[in-house]
């Protein structure tokens, strides 16, 4: 290479890498959507759809009558027995939001941190004591 030491990046390198990444994500999304519209799917597509749908559903709460909890009818008829999925998931959302806010505050604090700059000029002062010998 032409230079010794760590690699040197110019702004165009960073911009090009970001543009390539955005383009690849968009192309992947476009192809997955096209396959989904055509009715073709892979295991990854089906798993992501299941994961997305499972986030919307809730687990059976403690307020569901025991019979429904025992036989699994509560899973089938969650809305019919009065469970509100938004209310059941609200606590999880609050915890997630608090964690996210803590992370943002921590990052802001770290951005404000600046290393203490030491001066490049070193000044040494000394005093020399000379006895008067003219006696």
C-alpha atoms as a PDB file:
ATOM      1  CA  UNK A   1       0.000   0.000   0.000  1.00  0.00           C
ATOM      2  CA  UNK A   2       1.011   3.601  -0.402  1.00  0.00           C
ATOM      3  CA  UNK A   3       0.788   4.550   3.277  1.00  0.00           C
ATOM      4  CA  UNK A   4       1.971   2.969   6.482  1.00  0.00           C
ATOM      5  CA  UNK A   5      -0.290   2.789   9.482  1.00  0.00           C
ATOM      6  CA  UNK A   6      -4.048   2.431   9.842  1.00  0.00           C
ATOM      7  CA  UNK A   7      -6.299   2.742   6.786  1.00  0.00           C
ATOM      8  CA  UNK A   8      -7.348   6.254   5.858  1.00  0.00           C
ATOM      9  CA  UNK A   9     -10.946   6.789   4.827  1.00  0.00           C
ATOM     10  CA  UNK A  10     -12.189   9.731   2.879  1.00  0.00           C
ATOM     11  CA  UNK A  11     -15.778  11.005   3.149  1.00  0.00           C
ATOM     12  CA  UNK A  12     -16.593   9.493  -0.230  1.00  0.00           C
ATOM     13  CA  UNK A  13     -15.691   6.030   1.076  1.00  0.00           C
ATOM     14  CA  UNK A  14     -18.148   6.379   3.947  1.00  0.00           C
ATOM     15  CA  UNK A  15     -20.867   7.793   1.674  1.00  0.00           C
ATOM     16  CA  UNK A  16     -20.396   5.004  -0.881  1.00  0.00           C
ATOM     17  CA  UNK A  17     -20.530   2.288   1.797  1.00  0.00           C
ATOM     18  CA  UNK A  18     -23.739   3.760   3.237  1.00  0.00           C
ATOM     19  CA  UNK A  19     -25.359   4.020  -0.208  1.00  0.00           C
ATOM     20  CA  UNK A  20     -24.463   0.424  -1.043  1.00  0.00           C
ATOM     21  CA  UNK A  21     -25.916  -0.776   2.250  1.00  0.00           C
ATOM     22  CA  UNK A  22     -29.182   1.117   1.731  1.00  0.00           C
ATOM     23  CA  UNK A  23     -29.477  -0.191  -1.824  1.00  0.00           C
ATOM     24  CA  UNK A  24     -28.921  -3.797  -0.758  1.00  0.00           C
ATOM     25  CA  UNK A  25     -31.535  -3.563   2.007  1.00  0.00           C
ATOM     26  CA  UNK A  26     -34.033  -2.007  -0.406  1.00  0.00           C
ATOM     27  CA  UNK A  27     -33.408  -4.681  -3.053  1.00  0.00           C
ATOM     28  CA  UNK A  28     -33.847  -7.443  -0.465  1.00  0.00           C
ATOM     29  CA  UNK A  29     -37.112  -5.904   0.739  1.00  0.00           C
ATOM     30  CA  UNK A  30     -38.329  -5.486  -2.847  1.00  0.00           C
ATOM     31  CA  UNK A  31     -37.603  -9.109  -3.784  1.00  0.00           C
ATOM     32  CA  UNK A  32     -39.171 -10.493  -0.594  1.00  0.00           C
ATOM     33  CA  UNK A  33     -42.311  -8.442  -1.191  1.00  0.00           C
ATOM     34  CA  UNK A  34     -42.464  -9.623  -4.807  1.00  0.00           C
ATOM     35  CA  UNK A  35     -42.105 -13.272  -3.755  1.00  0.00           C
ATOM     36  CA  UNK A  36     -44.782 -12.814  -1.100  1.00  0.00           C
ATOM     37  CA  UNK A  37     -47.171 -11.290  -3.666  1.00  0.00           C
ATOM     38  CA  UNK A  38     -46.571 -14.227  -6.028  1.00  0.00           C
ATOM     39  CA  UNK A  39     -47.333 -16.685  -3.233  1.00  0.00           C
ATOM     40  CA  UNK A  40     -43.805 -18.064  -3.156  1.00  0.00           C
ATOM     41  CA  UNK A  41     -42.162 -18.229   0.200  1.00  0.00           C
ATOM     42  CA  UNK A  42     -39.103 -19.571   1.872  1.00  0.00           C
ATOM     43  CA  UNK A  43     -38.624 -20.729   5.427  1.00  0.00           C
ATOM     44  CA  UNK A  44     -37.086 -17.366   6.306  1.00  0.00           C
ATOM     45  CA  UNK A  45     -40.100 -15.487   4.936  1.00  0.00           C
ATOM     46  CA  UNK A  46     -42.550 -17.699   6.817  1.00  0.00           C
ATOM     47  CA  UNK A  47     -40.557 -17.374  10.037  1.00  0.00           C
ATOM     48  CA  UNK A  48     -40.404 -13.590   9.777  1.00  0.00           C
ATOM     49  CA  UNK A  49     -44.156 -13.408   9.127  1.00  0.00           C
ATOM     50  CA  UNK A  50     -44.822 -15.651  12.133  1.00  0.00           C
ATOM     51  CA  UNK A  51     -42.515 -13.559  14.307  1.00  0.00           C
ATOM     52  CA  UNK A  52     -44.197 -10.351  13.175  1.00  0.00           C
ATOM     53  CA  UNK A  53     -47.666 -11.753  13.855  1.00  0.00           C
ATOM     54  CA  UNK A  54     -46.706 -13.196  17.241  1.00  0.00           C
ATOM     55  CA  UNK A  55     -45.724  -9.748  18.475  1.00  0.00           C
ATOM     56  CA  UNK A  56     -49.318  -8.623  17.923  1.00  0.00           C
ATOM     57  CA  UNK A  57     -50.861 -11.486  19.887  1.00  0.00           C
ATOM     58  CA  UNK A  58     -50.719 -11.713  23.616  1.00  0.00           C
ATOM     59  CA  UNK A  59     -50.332 -14.550  26.026  1.00  0.00           C
ATOM     60  CA  UNK A  60     -53.201 -15.515  28.266  1.00  0.00           C
ATOM     61  CA  UNK A  61     -53.436 -13.196  31.230  1.00  0.00           C
ATOM     62  CA  UNK A  62     -54.137 -14.157  34.803  1.00  0.00           C
ATOM     63  CA  UNK A  63     -57.641 -12.704  34.566  1.00  0.00           C
ATOM     64  CA  UNK A  64     -58.728 -15.424  32.119  1.00  0.00           C
ATOM     65  CA  UNK A  65     -60.944 -17.993  33.856  1.00  0.00           C
ATOM     66  CA  UNK A  66     -59.169 -21.208  34.829  1.00  0.00           C
ATOM     67  CA  UNK A  67     -61.060 -23.471  32.464  1.00  0.00           C
ATOM     68  CA  UNK A  68     -60.001 -21.431  29.443  1.00  0.00           C
ATOM     69  CA  UNK A  69     -56.417 -21.318  30.651  1.00  0.00           C
ATOM     70  CA  UNK A  70     -56.325 -25.048  31.154  1.00  0.00           C
ATOM     71  CA  UNK A  71     -57.730 -26.203  27.831  1.00  0.00           C
ATOM     72  CA  UNK A  72     -56.211 -23.511  25.611  1.00  0.00           C
ATOM     73  CA  UNK A  73     -59.509 -21.947  24.538  1.00  0.00           C
ATOM     74  CA  UNK A  74     -58.181 -18.665  25.880  1.00  0.00           C
ATOM     75  CA  UNK A  75     -55.604 -18.666  23.114  1.00  0.00           C
ATOM     76  CA  UNK A  76     -58.292 -19.100  20.490  1.00  0.00           C
ATOM     77  CA  UNK A  77     -60.858 -16.675  21.880  1.00  0.00           C
ATOM     78  CA  UNK A  78     -58.715 -13.989  23.476  1.00  0.00           C
ATOM     79  CA  UNK A  79     -60.893 -11.144  22.246  1.00  0.00           C
ATOM     80  CA  UNK A  80     -64.119 -12.939  23.086  1.00  0.00           C
ATOM     81  CA  UNK A  81     -63.306 -13.355  26.774  1.00  0.00           C
ATOM     82  CA  UNK A  82     -62.335  -9.741  27.273  1.00  0.00           C
ATOM     83  CA  UNK A  83     -58.551  -9.736  27.053  1.00  0.00           C
ATOM     84  CA  UNK A  84     -57.191  -6.554  25.586  1.00  0.00           C
ATOM     85  CA  UNK A  85     -53.955  -7.324  23.789  1.00  0.00           C
ATOM     86  CA  UNK A  86     -52.824  -3.713  23.967  1.00  0.00           C
ATOM     87  CA  UNK A  87     -53.366  -3.637  27.732  1.00  0.00           C
ATOM     88  CA  UNK A  88     -51.527  -6.925  28.223  1.00  0.00           C
ATOM     89  CA  UNK A  89     -48.596  -5.752  26.119  1.00  0.00           C
ATOM     90  CA  UNK A  90     -48.509  -2.239  27.598  1.00  0.00           C
ATOM     91  CA  UNK A  91     -46.173  -3.237  30.430  1.00  0.00           C
ATOM     92  CA  UNK A  92     -43.707  -4.764  27.976  1.00  0.00           C
ATOM     93  CA  UNK A  93     -43.860  -1.605  25.900  1.00  0.00           C
ATOM     94  CA  UNK A  94     -43.134   0.559  28.955  1.00  0.00           C
ATOM     95  CA  UNK A  95     -40.111  -1.568  29.885  1.00  0.00           C
ATOM     96  CA  UNK A  96     -38.827  -1.454  26.308  1.00  0.00           C
ATOM     97  CA  UNK A  97     -39.294   2.333  26.138  1.00  0.00           C
ATOM     98  CA  UNK A  98     -37.490   2.870  29.453  1.00  0.00           C
ATOM     99  CA  UNK A  99     -34.569   0.746  28.267  1.00  0.00           C
ATOM    100  CA  UNK A 100     -34.429   2.693  24.998  1.00  0.00           C
ATOM    101  CA  UNK A 101     -34.516   6.050  26.834  1.00  0.00           C
ATOM    102  CA  UNK A 102     -31.713   4.940  29.177  1.00  0.00           C
ATOM    103  CA  UNK A 103     -29.634   3.992  26.158  1.00  0.00           C
ATOM    104  CA  UNK A 104     -30.226   7.398  24.537  1.00  0.00           C
ATOM    105  CA  UNK A 105     -29.293   9.258  27.722  1.00  0.00           C
ATOM    106  CA  UNK A 106     -26.126   7.185  28.046  1.00  0.00           C
ATOM    107  CA  UNK A 107     -25.154   7.892  24.427  1.00  0.00           C
ATOM    108  CA  UNK A 108     -25.757  11.626  24.875  1.00  0.00           C
ATOM    109  CA  UNK A 109     -23.585  11.622  27.973  1.00  0.00           C
ATOM    110  CA  UNK A 110     -20.828   9.782  26.126  1.00  0.00           C
ATOM    111  CA  UNK A 111     -21.032  12.266  23.222  1.00  0.00           C
ATOM    112  CA  UNK A 112     -20.443  15.162  25.620  1.00  0.00           C
ATOM    113  CA  UNK A 113     -17.282  13.575  27.013  1.00  0.00           C
ATOM    114  CA  UNK A 114     -14.120  15.161  25.703  1.00  0.00           C
ATOM    115  CA  UNK A 115     -10.614  14.006  26.366  1.00  0.00           C
ATOM    116  CA  UNK A 116      -8.537  16.463  28.341  1.00  0.00           C
ATOM    117  CA  UNK A 117      -6.017  18.042  26.048  1.00  0.00           C
ATOM    118  CA  UNK A 118      -2.495  18.220  27.334  1.00  0.00           C
ATOM    119  CA  UNK A 119      -0.384  21.086  26.217  1.00  0.00           C
ATOM    120  CA  UNK A 120       2.267  20.217  23.683  1.00  0.00           C
ATOM    121  CA  UNK A 121       4.760  22.717  25.056  1.00  0.00           C
ATOM    122  CA  UNK A 122       6.587  21.519  28.116  1.00  0.00           C
ATOM    123  CA  UNK A 123       8.094  24.307  30.212  1.00  0.00           C
ATOM    124  CA  UNK A 124      10.627  23.397  32.796  1.00  0.00           C
ATOM    125  CA  UNK A 125      11.473  25.995  35.368  1.00  0.00           C
ATOM    126  CA  UNK A 126      14.286  25.686  37.800  1.00  0.00           C
ATOM    127  CA  UNK A 127      15.990  27.923  40.284  1.00  0.00           C
ATOM    128  CA  UNK A 128      19.710  27.776  40.840  1.00  0.00           C
ATOM    129  CA  UNK A 129      21.054  29.050  44.115  1.00  0.00           C
ATOM    130  CA  UNK A 130      24.616  30.302  43.977  1.00  0.00           C
ATOM    131  CA  UNK A 131      26.451  31.185  47.147  1.00  0.00           C
ATOM    132  CA  UNK A 132      28.224  34.473  47.134  1.00  0.00           C
ATOM    133  CA  UNK A 133      31.935  33.559  47.290  1.00  0.00           C
ATOM    134  CA  UNK A 134      33.412  37.107  47.209  1.00  0.00           C
ATOM    135  CA  UNK A 135      34.422  37.382  50.824  1.00  0.00           C
END
